[in-house]
Amino acid sequence: MKDKTKQSSQSLNRPRQREARTHRVCIMLNDSEMRALNRYCDKYNVQNRSRVVRETLMRSVLKQFEKDTPTLFD
């Protein structure tokens, strides 16, 4: 058990390698969507708006993939 804990703590201390982002995606928002995004960023002191949008989008995509995976009794 100690070996797993030691290994886990070592892997947490190791710097993560980031995959370079080479693909650009542009989106258009209407006025109310933009106001909502700005309000959210102001309320939660978000410094990196593109990160919030990217993480929210990917969270939604991955959740849908998880829902779509076949289960044992499908």
PDB file of N, CA and C in Angstrom:
ATOM      1  N   MET A   1       0.826  -1.195   0.000  1.00  0.00           N
ATOM      2  CA  MET A   1       0.000   0.000   0.000  1.00  0.00           C
ATOM      3  C   MET A   1       0.866   1.253   0.000  1.00  0.00           C
ATOM      4  N   LYS A   2       1.961   1.216   0.744  1.00  0.00           N
ATOM      5  CA  LYS A   2       2.840   2.380   0.799  1.00  0.00           C
ATOM      6  C   LYS A   2       3.443   2.676  -0.566  1.00  0.00           C
ATOM      7  N   ASP A   3       3.726   1.613  -1.339  1.00  0.00           N
ATOM      8  CA  ASP A   3       4.330   1.817  -2.649  1.00  0.00           C
ATOM      9  C   ASP A   3       3.403   2.621  -3.555  1.00  0.00           C
ATOM     10  N   LYS A   4       2.106   2.310  -3.512  1.00  0.00           N
ATOM     11  CA  LYS A   4       1.157   3.043  -4.349  1.00  0.00           C
ATOM     12  C   LYS A   4       1.086   4.504  -3.948  1.00  0.00           C
ATOM     13  N   THR A   5       1.064   4.766  -2.640  1.00  0.00           N
ATOM     14  CA  THR A   5       1.005   6.138  -2.154  1.00  0.00           C
ATOM     15  C   THR A   5       2.255   6.898  -2.558  1.00  0.00           C
ATOM     16  N   LYS A   6       3.388   6.269  -2.413  1.00  0.00           N
ATOM     17  CA  LYS A   6       4.648   6.910  -2.772  1.00  0.00           C
ATOM     18  C   LYS A   6       4.692   7.202  -4.265  1.00  0.00           C
ATOM     19  N   GLN A   7       4.248   6.227  -5.062  1.00  0.00           N
ATOM     20  CA  GLN A   7       4.249   6.411  -6.504  1.00  0.00           C
ATOM     21  C   GLN A   7       3.282   7.517  -6.912  1.00  0.00           C
ATOM     22  N   SER A   8       2.111   7.558  -6.288  1.00  0.00           N
ATOM     23  CA  SER A   8       1.130   8.580  -6.622  1.00  0.00           C
ATOM     24  C   SER A   8       1.643   9.970  -6.304  1.00  0.00           C
ATOM     25  N   SER A   9       2.282  10.121  -5.144  1.00  0.00           N
ATOM     26  CA  SER A   9       2.791  11.431  -4.780  1.00  0.00           C
ATOM     27  C   SER A   9       3.923  11.865  -5.698  1.00  0.00           C
ATOM     28  N   GLN A  10       4.705  10.905  -6.159  1.00  0.00           N
ATOM     29  CA  GLN A  10       5.781  11.247  -7.083  1.00  0.00           C
ATOM     30  C   GLN A  10       5.217  11.700  -8.425  1.00  0.00           C
ATOM     31  N   SER A  11       4.171  11.026  -8.885  1.00  0.00           N
ATOM     32  CA  SER A  11       3.605  11.406 -10.178  1.00  0.00           C
ATOM     33  C   SER A  11       2.924  12.771 -10.096  1.00  0.00           C
ATOM     34  N   LEU A  12       2.404  13.145  -8.918  1.00  0.00           N
ATOM     35  CA  LEU A  12       1.788  14.452  -8.765  1.00  0.00           C
ATOM     36  C   LEU A  12       2.817  15.571  -8.803  1.00  0.00           C
ATOM     37  N   ASN A  13       4.013  15.292  -8.358  1.00  0.00           N
ATOM     38  CA  ASN A  13       5.060  16.310  -8.321  1.00  0.00           C
ATOM     39  C   ASN A  13       5.741  16.490  -9.672  1.00  0.00           C
ATOM     40  N   ARG A  14       5.572  15.538 -10.553  1.00  0.00           N
ATOM     41  CA  ARG A  14       6.196  15.602 -11.861  1.00  0.00           C
ATOM     42  C   ARG A  14       5.465  16.623 -12.725  1.00  0.00           C
ATOM     43  N   PRO A  15       6.183  17.500 -13.418  1.00  0.00           N
ATOM     44  CA  PRO A  15       5.508  18.486 -14.266  1.00  0.00           C
ATOM     45  C   PRO A  15       4.787  17.798 -15.427  1.00  0.00           C
ATOM     46  N   ARG A  16       3.552  18.250 -15.695  1.00  0.00           N
ATOM     47  CA  ARG A  16       2.787  17.677 -16.798  1.00  0.00           C
ATOM     48  C   ARG A  16       3.258  18.261 -18.110  1.00  0.00           C
ATOM     49  N   GLN A  17       3.341  17.389 -19.107  1.00  0.00           N
ATOM     50  CA  GLN A  17       3.657  17.892 -20.432  1.00  0.00           C
ATOM     51  C   GLN A  17       2.360  18.320 -21.091  1.00  0.00           C
ATOM     52  N   ARG A  18       2.350  19.512 -21.629  1.00  0.00           N
ATOM     53  CA  ARG A  18       1.153  20.022 -22.281  1.00  0.00           C
ATOM     54  C   ARG A  18       1.229  19.760 -23.769  1.00  0.00           C
ATOM     55  N   GLU A  19       0.099  19.383 -24.302  1.00  0.00           N
ATOM     56  CA  GLU A  19       0.004  19.214 -25.737  1.00  0.00           C
ATOM     57  C   GLU A  19      -0.246  20.591 -26.342  1.00  0.00           C
ATOM     58  N   ALA A  20       0.512  20.928 -27.354  1.00  0.00           N
ATOM     59  CA  ALA A  20       0.385  22.248 -27.975  1.00  0.00           C
ATOM     60  C   ALA A  20      -0.979  22.389 -28.635  1.00  0.00           C
ATOM     61  N   ARG A  21      -1.595  23.519 -28.448  1.00  0.00           N
ATOM     62  CA  ARG A  21      -2.879  23.795 -29.092  1.00  0.00           C
ATOM     63  C   ARG A  21      -2.597  24.447 -30.436  1.00  0.00           C
ATOM     64  N   THR A  22      -2.924  23.731 -31.481  1.00  0.00           N
ATOM     65  CA  THR A  22      -2.616  24.220 -32.823  1.00  0.00           C
ATOM     66  C   THR A  22      -3.867  24.503 -33.650  1.00  0.00           C
ATOM     67  N   HIS A  23      -5.046  24.174 -33.120  1.00  0.00           N
ATOM     68  CA  HIS A  23      -6.285  24.365 -33.869  1.00  0.00           C
ATOM     69  C   HIS A  23      -7.102  25.497 -33.252  1.00  0.00           C
ATOM     70  N   ARG A  24      -7.507  26.426 -34.091  1.00  0.00           N
ATOM     71  CA  ARG A  24      -8.278  27.577 -33.634  1.00  0.00           C
ATOM     72  C   ARG A  24      -9.756  27.326 -33.921  1.00  0.00           C
ATOM     73  N   VAL A  25     -10.585  27.631 -32.938  1.00  0.00           N
ATOM     74  CA  VAL A  25     -12.029  27.538 -33.087  1.00  0.00           C
ATOM     75  C   VAL A  25     -12.604  28.892 -32.709  1.00  0.00           C
ATOM     76  N   CYS A  26     -13.371  29.479 -33.604  1.00  0.00           N
ATOM     77  CA  CYS A  26     -13.999  30.776 -33.342  1.00  0.00           C
ATOM     78  C   CYS A  26     -15.497  30.564 -33.179  1.00  0.00           C
ATOM     79  N   ILE A  27     -16.066  31.248 -32.204  1.00  0.00           N
ATOM     80  CA  ILE A  27     -17.506  31.155 -31.990  1.00  0.00           C
ATOM     81  C   ILE A  27     -18.092  32.561 -31.972  1.00  0.00           C
ATOM     82  N   MET A  28     -19.358  32.637 -32.291  1.00  0.00           N
ATOM     83  CA  MET A  28     -20.069  33.905 -32.242  1.00  0.00           C
ATOM     84  C   MET A  28     -21.099  33.809 -31.124  1.00  0.00           C
ATOM     85  N   LEU A  29     -21.220  34.862 -30.328  1.00  0.00           N
ATOM     86  CA  LEU A  29     -22.206  34.926 -29.257  1.00  0.00           C
ATOM     87  C   LEU A  29     -23.144  36.090 -29.516  1.00  0.00           C
ATOM     88  N   ASN A  30     -24.395  35.911 -29.117  1.00  0.00           N
ATOM     89  CA  ASN A  30     -25.298  37.050 -29.215  1.00  0.00           C
ATOM     90  C   ASN A  30     -25.093  37.936 -27.984  1.00  0.00           C
ATOM     91  N   ASP A  31     -25.793  39.042 -27.919  1.00  0.00           N
ATOM     92  CA  ASP A  31     -25.575  40.009 -26.839  1.00  0.00           C
ATOM     93  C   ASP A  31     -25.819  39.415 -25.458  1.00  0.00           C
ATOM     94  N   SER A  32     -26.911  38.667 -25.298  1.00  0.00           N
ATOM     95  CA  SER A  32     -27.224  38.120 -23.969  1.00  0.00           C
ATOM     96  C   SER A  32     -26.217  37.045 -23.554  1.00  0.00           C
ATOM     97  N   GLU A  33     -25.745  36.241 -24.502  1.00  0.00           N
ATOM     98  CA  GLU A  33     -24.722  35.230 -24.190  1.00  0.00           C
ATOM     99  C   GLU A  33     -23.420  35.893 -23.772  1.00  0.00           C
ATOM    100  N   MET A  34     -23.054  36.966 -24.454  1.00  0.00           N
ATOM    101  CA  MET A  34     -21.826  37.675 -24.121  1.00  0.00           C
ATOM    102  C   MET A  34     -21.926  38.337 -22.756  1.00  0.00           C
ATOM    103  N   ARG A  35     -23.090  38.923 -22.470  1.00  0.00           N
ATOM    104  CA  ARG A  35     -23.304  39.522 -21.145  1.00  0.00           C
ATOM    105  C   ARG A  35     -23.203  38.461 -20.051  1.00  0.00           C
ATOM    106  N   ALA A  36     -23.774  37.284 -20.302  1.00  0.00           N
ATOM    107  CA  ALA A  36     -23.724  36.198 -19.318  1.00  0.00           C
ATOM    108  C   ALA A  36     -22.284  35.738 -19.097  1.00  0.00           C
ATOM    109  N   LEU A  37     -21.525  35.597 -20.165  1.00  0.00           N
ATOM    110  CA  LEU A  37     -20.123  35.186 -20.037  1.00  0.00           C
ATOM    111  C   LEU A  37     -19.322  36.240 -19.284  1.00  0.00           C
ATOM    112  N   ASN A  38     -19.509  37.509 -19.640  1.00  0.00           N
ATOM    113  CA  ASN A  38     -18.789  38.586 -18.945  1.00  0.00           C
ATOM    114  C   ASN A  38     -19.190  38.657 -17.468  1.00  0.00           C
ATOM    115  N   ARG A  39     -20.477  38.477 -17.201  1.00  0.00           N
ATOM    116  CA  ARG A  39     -20.946  38.500 -15.813  1.00  0.00           C
ATOM    117  C   ARG A  39     -20.306  37.370 -15.012  1.00  0.00           C
ATOM    118  N   TYR A  40     -20.264  36.178 -15.601  1.00  0.00           N
ATOM    119  CA  TYR A  40     -19.634  35.031 -14.936  1.00  0.00           C
ATOM    120  C   TYR A  40     -18.157  35.313 -14.654  1.00  0.00           C
ATOM    121  N   CYS A  41     -17.456  35.811 -15.655  1.00  0.00           N
ATOM    122  CA  CYS A  41     -16.024  36.089 -15.497  1.00  0.00           C
ATOM    123  C   CYS A  41     -15.775  37.168 -14.446  1.00  0.00           C
ATOM    124  N   ASP A  42     -16.625  38.190 -14.405  1.00  0.00           N
ATOM    125  CA  ASP A  42     -16.483  39.235 -13.387  1.00  0.00           C
ATOM    126  C   ASP A  42     -16.790  38.692 -11.995  1.00  0.00           C
ATOM    127  N   LYS A  43     -17.863  37.928 -11.881  1.00  0.00           N
ATOM    128  CA  LYS A  43     -18.292  37.408 -10.580  1.00  0.00           C
ATOM    129  C   LYS A  43     -17.258  36.473  -9.972  1.00  0.00           C
ATOM    130  N   TYR A  44     -16.662  35.609 -10.799  1.00  0.00           N
ATOM    131  CA  TYR A  44     -15.715  34.611 -10.300  1.00  0.00           C
ATOM    132  C   TYR A  44     -14.261  34.979 -10.578  1.00  0.00           C
ATOM    133  N   ASN A  45     -14.032  36.236 -10.929  1.00  0.00           N
ATOM    134  CA  ASN A  45     -12.684  36.768 -11.132  1.00  0.00           C
ATOM    135  C   ASN A  45     -11.861  35.906 -12.097  1.00  0.00           C
ATOM    136  N   VAL A  46     -12.467  35.581 -13.226  1.00  0.00           N
ATOM    137  CA  VAL A  46     -11.812  34.758 -14.238  1.00  0.00           C
ATOM    138  C   VAL A  46     -10.863  35.630 -15.043  1.00  0.00           C
ATOM    139  N   GLN A  47      -9.613  35.232 -15.103  1.00  0.00           N
ATOM    140  CA  GLN A  47      -8.610  35.979 -15.856  1.00  0.00           C
ATOM    141  C   GLN A  47      -8.466  35.472 -17.292  1.00  0.00           C
ATOM    142  N   ASN A  48      -8.773  34.192 -17.503  1.00  0.00           N
ATOM    143  CA  ASN A  48      -8.577  33.570 -18.812  1.00  0.00           C
ATOM    144  C   ASN A  48      -9.914  33.053 -19.336  1.00  0.00           C
ATOM    145  N   ARG A  49     -10.598  33.885 -20.087  1.00  0.00           N
ATOM    146  CA  ARG A  49     -11.931  33.545 -20.580  1.00  0.00           C
ATOM    147  C   ARG A  49     -11.896  32.362 -21.547  1.00  0.00           C
ATOM    148  N   SER A  50     -10.885  32.283 -22.392  1.00  0.00           N
ATOM    149  CA  SER A  50     -10.823  31.180 -23.358  1.00  0.00           C
ATOM    150  C   SER A  50     -10.668  29.840 -22.637  1.00  0.00           C
ATOM    151  N   ARG A  51      -9.958  29.844 -21.515  1.00  0.00           N
ATOM    152  CA  ARG A  51      -9.806  28.609 -20.741  1.00  0.00           C
ATOM    153  C   ARG A  51     -11.153  28.151 -20.191  1.00  0.00           C
ATOM    154  N   VAL A  52     -11.951  29.090 -19.682  1.00  0.00           N
ATOM    155  CA  VAL A  52     -13.273  28.760 -19.147  1.00  0.00           C
ATOM    156  C   VAL A  52     -14.149  28.170 -20.241  1.00  0.00           C
ATOM    157  N   VAL A  53     -14.166  28.799 -21.395  1.00  0.00           N
ATOM    158  CA  VAL A  53     -14.989  28.322 -22.498  1.00  0.00           C
ATOM    159  C   VAL A  53     -14.509  26.943 -22.951  1.00  0.00           C
ATOM    160  N   ARG A  54     -13.198  26.784 -23.108  1.00  0.00           N
ATOM    161  CA  ARG A  54     -12.624  25.504 -23.550  1.00  0.00           C
ATOM    162  C   ARG A  54     -12.947  24.387 -22.563  1.00  0.00           C
ATOM    163  N   GLU A  55     -12.733  24.628 -21.268  1.00  0.00           N
ATOM    164  CA  GLU A  55     -12.978  23.592 -20.269  1.00  0.00           C
ATOM    165  C   GLU A  55     -14.456  23.244 -20.169  1.00  0.00           C
ATOM    166  N   THR A  56     -15.319  24.249 -20.275  1.00  0.00           N
ATOM    167  CA  THR A  56     -16.756  24.000 -20.226  1.00  0.00           C
ATOM    168  C   THR A  56     -17.208  23.181 -21.428  1.00  0.00           C
ATOM    169  N   LEU A  57     -16.709  23.535 -22.589  1.00  0.00           N
ATOM    170  CA  LEU A  57     -17.039  22.801 -23.806  1.00  0.00           C
ATOM    171  C   LEU A  57     -16.575  21.349 -23.708  1.00  0.00           C
ATOM    172  N   MET A  58     -15.324  21.138 -23.313  1.00  0.00           N
ATOM    173  CA  MET A  58     -14.789  19.782 -23.254  1.00  0.00           C
ATOM    174  C   MET A  58     -15.478  18.958 -22.170  1.00  0.00           C
ATOM    175  N   ARG A  59     -15.847  19.584 -21.068  1.00  0.00           N
ATOM    176  CA  ARG A  59     -16.586  18.867 -20.015  1.00  0.00           C
ATOM    177  C   ARG A  59     -17.912  18.353 -20.573  1.00  0.00           C
ATOM    178  N   SER A  60     -18.604  19.184 -21.338  1.00  0.00           N
ATOM    179  CA  SER A  60     -19.870  18.795 -21.931  1.00  0.00           C
ATOM    180  C   SER A  60     -19.683  17.676 -22.962  1.00  0.00           C
ATOM    181  N   VAL A  61     -18.672  17.791 -23.793  1.00  0.00           N
ATOM    182  CA  VAL A  61     -18.399  16.783 -24.823  1.00  0.00           C
ATOM    183  C   VAL A  61     -18.071  15.440 -24.169  1.00  0.00           C
ATOM    184  N   LEU A  62     -17.196  15.451 -23.182  1.00  0.00           N
ATOM    185  CA  LEU A  62     -16.804  14.197 -22.530  1.00  0.00           C
ATOM    186  C   LEU A  62     -17.966  13.560 -21.774  1.00  0.00           C
ATOM    187  N   LYS A  63     -18.817  14.399 -21.173  1.00  0.00           N
ATOM    188  CA  LYS A  63     -19.998  13.875 -20.475  1.00  0.00           C
ATOM    189  C   LYS A  63     -20.924  13.170 -21.466  1.00  0.00           C
ATOM    190  N   GLN A  64     -21.102  13.769 -22.649  1.00  0.00           N
ATOM    191  CA  GLN A  64     -21.956  13.149 -23.671  1.00  0.00           C
ATOM    192  C   GLN A  64     -21.340  11.849 -24.170  1.00  0.00           C
ATOM    193  N   PHE A  65     -20.030  11.815 -24.372  1.00  0.00           N
ATOM    194  CA  PHE A  65     -19.356  10.575 -24.781  1.00  0.00           C
ATOM    195  C   PHE A  65     -19.583   9.489 -23.742  1.00  0.00           C
ATOM    196  N   GLU A  66     -19.501   9.867 -22.476  1.00  0.00           N
ATOM    197  CA  GLU A  66     -19.694   8.905 -21.395  1.00  0.00           C
ATOM    198  C   GLU A  66     -21.132   8.364 -21.408  1.00  0.00           C
ATOM    199  N   LYS A  67     -22.102   9.228 -21.667  1.00  0.00           N
ATOM    200  CA  LYS A  67     -23.501   8.790 -21.746  1.00  0.00           C
ATOM    201  C   LYS A  67     -23.719   7.848 -22.935  1.00  0.00           C
ATOM    202  N   ASP A  68     -23.007   8.087 -24.016  1.00  0.00           N
ATOM    203  CA  ASP A  68     -23.207   7.322 -25.249  1.00  0.00           C
ATOM    204  C   ASP A  68     -22.492   5.974 -25.264  1.00  0.00           C
ATOM    205  N   THR A  69     -21.613   5.728 -24.314  1.00  0.00           N
ATOM    206  CA  THR A  69     -20.892   4.453 -24.336  1.00  0.00           C
ATOM    207  C   THR A  69     -21.850   3.319 -24.030  1.00  0.00           C
ATOM    208  N   PRO A  70     -21.714   2.215 -24.755  1.00  0.00           N
ATOM    209  CA  PRO A  70     -22.616   1.090 -24.510  1.00  0.00           C
ATOM    210  C   PRO A  70     -22.343   0.469 -23.127  1.00  0.00           C
ATOM    211  N   THR A  71     -23.393  -0.005 -22.507  1.00  0.00           N
ATOM    212  CA  THR A  71     -23.246  -0.685 -21.234  1.00  0.00           C
ATOM    213  C   THR A  71     -23.432  -2.180 -21.446  1.00  0.00           C
ATOM    214  N   LEU A  72     -23.210  -2.921 -20.414  1.00  0.00           N
ATOM    215  CA  LEU A  72     -23.258  -4.377 -20.496  1.00  0.00           C
ATOM    216  C   LEU A  72     -24.624  -4.883 -20.971  1.00  0.00           C
ATOM    217  N   PHE A  73     -25.694  -4.212 -20.561  1.00  0.00           N
ATOM    218  CA  PHE A  73     -27.036  -4.729 -20.858  1.00  0.00           C
ATOM    219  C   PHE A  73     -27.770  -3.943 -21.931  1.00  0.00           C
ATOM    220  N   ASP A  74     -27.055  -3.221 -22.785  1.00  0.00           N
ATOM    221  CA  ASP A  74     -27.706  -2.492 -23.891  1.00  0.00           C
ATOM    222  C   ASP A  74     -28.063  -3.423 -25.010  1.00  0.00           C
TER     223      ASP A  74
END
